[in-house]
Protein backbone atom coordinates (compact mmCIF):
# COMPACT_ATOMS: atom_id res chain seq x y z
CA UNK A 1 92.29 -60.32 234.37
CA UNK A 2 89.17 -62.50 234.48
CA UNK A 3 88.37 -64.66 237.48
CA UNK A 4 85.48 -66.86 238.45
CA UNK A 5 84.68 -66.02 241.97
CA UNK A 6 82.63 -67.94 244.68
CA UNK A 7 81.10 -65.42 246.97
CA UNK A 8 79.81 -67.96 249.70
CA UNK A 9 78.86 -71.52 250.33
CA UNK A 10 76.20 -72.58 247.77
CA UNK A 11 76.66 -69.80 245.23
CA UNK A 12 77.14 -69.97 241.61
CA UNK A 13 80.52 -68.59 240.44
CA UNK A 14 80.27 -65.00 238.89
CA UNK A 15 82.63 -63.60 236.42
CA UNK A 16 84.79 -60.69 237.93
CA UNK A 17 87.28 -58.43 235.80
CA UNK A 18 90.13 -57.13 238.10
CA UNK A 19 93.53 -55.50 237.86
CA UNK A 20 96.38 -57.79 237.06
CA UNK A 21 98.04 -58.50 240.41
CA UNK A 22 101.75 -57.91 241.07
CA UNK A 23 103.72 -60.75 242.75
CA UNK A 24 104.98 -60.15 246.23
CA UNK A 25 108.16 -61.14 247.80
CA UNK A 26 108.82 -64.87 246.93
CA UNK A 27 105.91 -65.10 244.59
CA UNK A 28 105.19 -65.87 240.97
CA UNK A 29 102.73 -64.11 238.67
CA UNK A 30 101.37 -66.83 236.41
CA UNK A 31 99.43 -66.74 233.22
CA UNK A 32 96.91 -69.50 233.64
CA UNK A 33 96.78 -71.96 230.61
CA UNK A 34 94.54 -74.69 232.41
CA UNK A 35 93.07 -75.63 235.64
CA UNK A 36 91.49 -78.79 236.56
CA UNK A 37 88.11 -79.10 238.54
CA UNK A 38 88.62 -81.37 241.53
CA UNK A 39 86.01 -82.67 243.86
CA UNK A 40 87.67 -80.55 246.45
CA UNK A 41 86.57 -77.41 244.60
CA UNK A 42 82.96 -78.58 244.93
CA UNK A 43 83.58 -78.83 248.81
CA UNK A 44 84.83 -75.39 248.76
CA UNK A 45 81.83 -74.09 246.63
CA UNK A 46 79.44 -76.13 248.86
CA UNK A 47 80.85 -74.61 252.23
CA UNK A 48 81.85 -78.31 253.28
CA UNK A 49 85.49 -77.40 254.08
CA UNK A 50 86.92 -74.09 255.37
CA UNK A 51 87.46 -71.36 252.91
CA UNK A 52 87.96 -67.58 252.74
CA UNK A 53 85.09 -66.04 250.81
CA UNK A 54 85.01 -64.47 248.25
CA UNK A 55 87.53 -66.94 246.62
CA UNK A 56 88.65 -67.93 243.30
CA UNK A 57 88.69 -71.86 243.34
CA UNK A 58 90.96 -74.04 241.51
CA UNK A 59 94.21 -75.79 242.65
CA UNK A 60 95.08 -77.86 239.65
CA UNK A 61 96.72 -74.99 237.82
CA UNK A 62 99.02 -75.04 234.83
CA UNK A 63 100.58 -71.91 233.68
CA UNK A 64 103.54 -69.83 232.58
CA UNK A 65 105.50 -67.49 234.69
CA UNK A 66 105.12 -63.79 233.80
CA UNK A 67 107.03 -62.20 236.56
CA UNK A 68 108.79 -62.99 239.80
CA UNK A 69 108.81 -61.19 243.04
CA UNK A 70 111.90 -60.26 245.03
CA UNK A 71 113.64 -63.25 246.38
CA UNK A 72 112.58 -65.75 243.79
CA UNK A 73 115.25 -67.96 242.14
CA UNK A 74 114.97 -70.72 239.57
CA UNK A 75 111.79 -69.53 237.67
CA UNK A 76 112.39 -67.50 234.53
CA UNK A 77 109.80 -65.87 232.44
CA UNK A 78 107.97 -68.45 230.28
CA UNK A 79 108.67 -71.37 232.71
CA UNK A 80 105.80 -73.71 232.71
CA UNK A 81 104.81 -74.39 236.29
CA UNK A 82 102.04 -76.39 238.28
CA UNK A 83 100.23 -74.66 241.22
CA UNK A 84 98.90 -77.35 243.58
CA UNK A 85 96.47 -77.39 246.71
CA UNK A 86 99.04 -76.59 249.33
CA UNK A 87 99.95 -73.13 248.65
CA UNK A 88 102.00 -72.04 251.62
CA UNK A 89 103.30 -73.60 254.96
CA UNK A 90 104.51 -71.85 258.02
CA UNK A 91 107.68 -73.80 258.25
CA UNK A 92 108.10 -73.36 262.05
CA UNK A 93 105.33 -75.52 263.39
CA UNK A 94 106.24 -78.95 264.87
CA UNK A 95 104.83 -80.67 261.85
CA UNK A 96 106.83 -78.43 259.35
CA UNK A 97 109.90 -79.00 261.21
CA UNK A 98 109.30 -82.87 261.41
CA UNK A 99 109.04 -83.07 257.52
CA UNK A 100 105.35 -83.29 257.65
CA UNK A 101 104.36 -80.04 256.03
CA UNK A 102 101.02 -81.51 254.77
CA UNK A 103 99.76 -81.25 258.50
CA UNK A 104 101.02 -77.67 259.01
CA UNK A 105 99.14 -75.86 261.79
CA UNK A 106 99.16 -72.65 259.66
CA UNK A 107 98.86 -73.44 256.00
CA UNK A 108 97.40 -71.66 252.93
CA UNK A 109 95.47 -73.60 250.52
CA UNK A 110 95.12 -72.63 246.78
CA UNK A 111 91.54 -72.02 245.74
CA UNK A 112 90.27 -72.06 249.33
CA UNK A 113 92.25 -69.73 251.44
CA UNK A 114 94.22 -67.81 248.64
CA UNK A 115 92.78 -67.39 245.23
CA UNK A 116 93.30 -70.09 242.67
CA UNK A 117 93.20 -71.02 239.26
CA UNK A 118 89.77 -70.42 237.80
CA UNK A 119 91.06 -67.31 236.30
CA UNK A 120 93.45 -65.91 233.56
CA UNK A 121 96.22 -65.26 235.95
CA UNK A 122 97.21 -66.30 239.55
CA UNK A 123 99.84 -65.32 242.09
CA UNK A 124 101.49 -68.23 243.85
CA UNK A 125 104.24 -68.96 246.42
CA UNK A 126 107.20 -69.83 244.32
CA UNK A 127 108.48 -72.49 246.94
CA UNK A 128 105.12 -74.55 246.35
CA UNK A 129 105.23 -74.32 242.48
CA UNK A 130 106.30 -77.40 240.48
CA UNK A 131 107.99 -77.38 237.09
CA UNK A 132 105.97 -79.59 234.85
CA UNK A 133 107.16 -82.41 232.36
CA UNK A 134 107.27 -81.31 228.79
CA UNK A 135 105.53 -84.53 227.61
CA UNK A 136 101.96 -83.62 228.66
CA UNK A 137 99.81 -80.85 227.07
CA UNK A 138 98.51 -78.28 229.43
CA UNK A 139 95.03 -79.71 229.84
CA UNK A 140 96.37 -83.23 230.82
CA UNK A 141 98.93 -81.87 233.12
CA UNK A 142 96.37 -80.12 235.23
CA UNK A 143 94.75 -83.14 236.86
CA UNK A 144 98.42 -84.32 237.99
CA UNK A 145 98.38 -81.42 240.48
CA UNK A 146 95.68 -82.90 242.83
CA UNK A 147 93.95 -86.00 241.40
CA UNK A 148 97.33 -87.34 240.75
CA UNK A 149 99.38 -85.86 243.76
CA UNK A 150 96.72 -87.17 246.27
CA UNK A 151 96.27 -90.41 244.61
CA UNK A 152 100.05 -90.83 244.91
CA UNK A 153 100.27 -90.11 248.58
CA UNK A 154 97.30 -92.50 249.09
CA UNK A 155 98.99 -95.04 247.03
CA UNK A 156 102.21 -94.88 248.88
CA UNK A 157 100.18 -95.38 251.98
CA UNK A 158 98.54 -98.51 250.79
CA UNK A 159 101.94 -100.13 250.92
CA UNK A 160 103.60 -102.99 248.78
CA UNK A 161 100.38 -104.40 247.59
CA UNK A 162 99.78 -106.79 244.77
CA UNK A 163 95.96 -106.64 244.78
CA UNK A 164 94.60 -102.94 245.14
CA UNK A 165 90.99 -101.72 245.03
CA UNK A 166 89.99 -98.20 244.03
CA UNK A 167 86.73 -97.05 245.18
CA UNK A 168 85.19 -94.14 243.13
CA UNK A 169 86.75 -94.53 239.62
CA UNK A 170 87.12 -90.64 238.85
CA UNK A 171 90.03 -88.33 238.03
CA UNK A 172 92.32 -89.52 240.79
CA UNK A 173 91.55 -93.25 240.39
CA UNK A 174 92.16 -93.36 236.67
CA UNK A 175 95.55 -91.78 236.96
CA UNK A 176 96.45 -93.99 239.82
CA UNK A 177 95.37 -97.06 238.01
CA UNK A 178 97.85 -96.39 235.06
CA UNK A 179 100.57 -96.22 237.61
CA UNK A 180 99.73 -99.34 239.34
CA UNK A 181 99.03 -101.29 236.13
CA UNK A 182 102.49 -99.84 234.84
CA UNK A 183 103.98 -101.37 238.17
CA UNK A 184 102.48 -104.64 237.46
CA UNK A 185 99.91 -104.60 240.11
CA UNK A 186 96.38 -106.01 239.91
CA UNK A 187 93.76 -103.25 240.01
CA UNK A 188 90.05 -103.62 240.83
CA UNK A 189 87.86 -100.80 240.19
CA UNK A 190 84.75 -99.88 241.96
CA UNK A 191 82.14 -97.57 240.51
CA UNK A 192 78.73 -96.47 241.17
CA UNK A 193 76.50 -99.39 240.83
CA UNK A 194 75.31 -100.10 237.26
CA UNK A 195 77.96 -97.51 235.90
CA UNK A 196 78.61 -99.83 232.84
CA UNK A 197 80.47 -97.13 230.93
CA UNK A 198 82.58 -96.30 233.80
CA UNK A 199 83.43 -100.01 234.27
CA UNK A 200 84.41 -100.35 230.64
CA UNK A 201 86.67 -97.15 231.06
CA UNK A 202 88.49 -98.87 234.04
CA UNK A 203 89.02 -102.09 232.19
CA UNK A 204 90.34 -100.06 229.15
CA UNK A 205 92.99 -98.70 231.39
CA UNK A 206 94.13 -102.23 232.39
CA UNK A 207 91.95 -102.95 235.46
CA UNK A 208 91.57 -106.65 235.87
CA UNK A 209 88.02 -106.35 237.55
CA UNK A 210 85.44 -103.49 237.46
CA UNK A 211 82.25 -103.60 239.28
CA UNK A 212 79.84 -101.60 241.48
CA UNK A 213 80.79 -100.36 244.95
CA UNK A 214 78.14 -102.60 246.31
CA UNK A 215 79.88 -105.62 244.95
CA UNK A 216 82.55 -107.85 246.45
CA UNK A 217 85.93 -108.25 244.32
CA UNK A 218 86.66 -111.82 243.10
CA UNK A 219 89.53 -112.07 245.59
CA UNK A 220 90.49 -110.37 248.86
CA UNK A 221 92.43 -107.24 248.48
CA UNK A 222 95.85 -106.28 249.87
CA UNK A 223 94.59 -102.52 250.12
CA UNK A 224 91.69 -100.40 249.08
CA UNK A 225 91.72 -96.56 248.44
CA UNK A 226 88.53 -94.60 248.74
CA UNK A 227 88.25 -91.67 246.57
CA UNK A 228 84.53 -91.25 246.73
CA UNK A 229 83.26 -88.90 249.53
CA UNK A 230 80.94 -91.58 250.91
CA UNK A 231 81.64 -92.91 254.53
CA UNK A 232 79.42 -95.96 253.92
CA UNK A 233 82.15 -97.22 251.65
CA UNK A 234 84.66 -97.71 254.60
CA UNK A 235 82.87 -100.81 256.26
CA UNK A 236 82.54 -102.14 252.63
CA UNK A 237 85.95 -101.81 251.78
CA UNK A 238 87.08 -103.36 255.13
CA UNK A 239 85.28 -106.56 254.16
CA UNK A 240 87.06 -106.48 250.87
CA UNK A 241 90.58 -106.40 252.29
CA UNK A 242 92.43 -109.49 253.57
CA UNK A 243 93.89 -109.58 257.27
CA UNK A 244 96.56 -107.05 257.83
CA UNK A 245 94.89 -105.17 254.75
CA UNK A 246 94.65 -101.28 254.63
CA UNK A 247 91.80 -99.20 253.79
CA UNK A 248 93.01 -95.52 252.68
CA UNK A 249 90.46 -92.57 252.80
CA UNK A 250 91.91 -90.30 250.28
CA UNK A 251 89.23 -87.51 250.27
CA UNK A 252 89.49 -84.16 252.15
CA UNK A 253 85.78 -84.60 253.01
CA UNK A 254 83.73 -87.61 253.60
CA UNK A 255 80.16 -88.31 255.00
CA UNK A 256 79.97 -89.86 258.34
CA UNK A 257 81.16 -93.43 258.59
CA UNK A 258 78.42 -95.68 259.91
CA UNK A 259 78.95 -98.32 262.72
CA UNK A 260 80.46 -101.65 261.71
CA UNK A 261 81.29 -104.74 263.46
CA UNK A 262 84.72 -104.86 265.10
CA UNK A 263 85.10 -108.28 263.43
CA UNK A 264 85.46 -106.42 260.17
CA UNK A 265 88.63 -104.45 261.53
CA UNK A 266 89.98 -107.31 263.43
CA UNK A 267 92.99 -109.17 261.87
CA UNK A 268 95.35 -106.18 261.96
CA UNK A 269 93.40 -104.42 259.32
CA UNK A 270 93.88 -100.61 259.29
CA UNK A 271 91.99 -97.45 258.37
CA UNK A 272 94.03 -94.33 257.36
CA UNK A 273 93.26 -90.97 256.29
CA UNK A 274 95.23 -88.80 253.85
CA UNK A 275 95.72 -85.13 254.30
CA UNK A 276 96.95 -82.69 251.69
CA UNK A 277 100.46 -83.33 250.43
CA UNK A 278 104.12 -82.48 250.76
CA UNK A 279 106.44 -80.90 248.09
CA UNK A 280 108.37 -84.19 248.21
CA UNK A 281 105.06 -85.94 247.00
CA UNK A 282 104.93 -83.70 243.98
CA UNK A 283 108.57 -84.22 242.88
CA UNK A 284 108.46 -88.03 243.29
CA UNK A 285 105.00 -88.31 241.66
CA UNK A 286 105.81 -86.19 238.65
CA UNK A 287 108.96 -88.23 238.04
CA UNK A 288 107.06 -91.53 238.13
CA UNK A 289 104.13 -90.16 236.12
CA UNK A 290 106.63 -89.21 233.39
CA UNK A 291 108.42 -92.49 233.57
CA UNK A 292 104.84 -94.33 233.42
CA UNK A 293 103.79 -92.33 230.41
CA UNK A 294 100.47 -91.23 232.24
CA UNK A 295 97.86 -89.83 229.86
CA UNK A 296 94.98 -88.38 231.87
CA UNK A 297 91.61 -88.48 230.03
CA UNK A 298 90.26 -84.86 230.06
CA UNK A 299 87.05 -83.07 229.05
CA UNK A 300 87.76 -79.39 228.34
CA UNK A 301 85.48 -76.34 229.03
CA UNK A 302 86.29 -72.50 228.46
CA UNK A 303 86.83 -70.49 231.61
CA UNK A 304 83.42 -68.79 231.25
CA UNK A 305 81.68 -72.08 231.05
CA UNK A 306 82.84 -72.92 234.65
CA UNK A 307 79.37 -73.17 236.14
CA UNK A 308 78.40 -75.62 233.60
CA UNK A 309 81.55 -77.63 233.96
CA UNK A 310 80.84 -78.02 237.78
CA UNK A 311 77.46 -79.14 237.17
CA UNK A 312 78.64 -81.73 234.80
CA UNK A 313 81.19 -82.86 237.35
CA UNK A 314 78.45 -83.28 239.96
CA UNK A 315 76.29 -85.28 237.45
CA UNK A 316 79.33 -87.47 236.56
CA UNK A 317 78.68 -86.92 232.89
CA UNK A 318 82.15 -88.10 231.81
CA UNK A 319 85.02 -90.32 232.49
CA UNK A 320 88.45 -89.04 233.76
CA UNK A 321 88.93 -85.32 234.60
CA UNK A 322 87.23 -81.86 233.72
CA UNK A 323 89.64 -78.86 232.85
CA UNK A 324 89.09 -75.29 232.41
CA UNK A 325 90.97 -73.57 229.66
CA UNK A 326 91.83 -69.88 230.35
């Protein structure tokens, strides 16, 4: 098999040829078909979040089952599956017992603490693999497994809102916008200042307004979700939401939030973070995504061009998501 490996923070990925692994108890061996490049992968590569190096990044993995280890039921050879960020939880800590496995004290994360999908093959805990809807091609299904999933969890935290703002209109926001528009909500897209192409892209997906993150929306929002890893957007979003509104920080990493006036928080406004996901998030999201007819916009690169793809993600050279094809 071929894998693109990160040896440590700040290093470029290197191509590694290694023997085909065998699935252990409760695991699946998967032939990788596509793997999305998520902003979290960049945080892993840059050393901004904990990881076990050397590591094969990638947690938006689409593949087909080649073999199953002992104790696996429900997955036959050839089944198309998705492998998400949460790769394993302990099942015994207080959070797991309370139905909040996303906060597990002893988790494993695909592409960070266990090898992920920047490879031709991957091994995954079968309990954390999702069956994927047949409607989407492999490359379009890949972004659903983190950009879609974490967006969905953040969206549900935002509550029953009519006017919703999305700060950072990238892979996650462009999927979530399609769901919100399908549900009849009014979506306001915030891009980098002067990103005319990004704003036109947002409007093409049904957003009622699109502007720079330094601008105020034309009406106060019921909720705002911040996908960009920029702490300075939190005070700006607070000013954009009405009394009782919510600001949801959806990223796993964010720069420091600057000081802001208490008056901007007053009026029972709320700030919440989103941590990881649960399997229930995955099941409910994939069901809604299928009903809504979500079609992610993707730019594809061959696996061996992973470093170029990562550079283009950093530069924001596209709209939507980037996917590696194994």
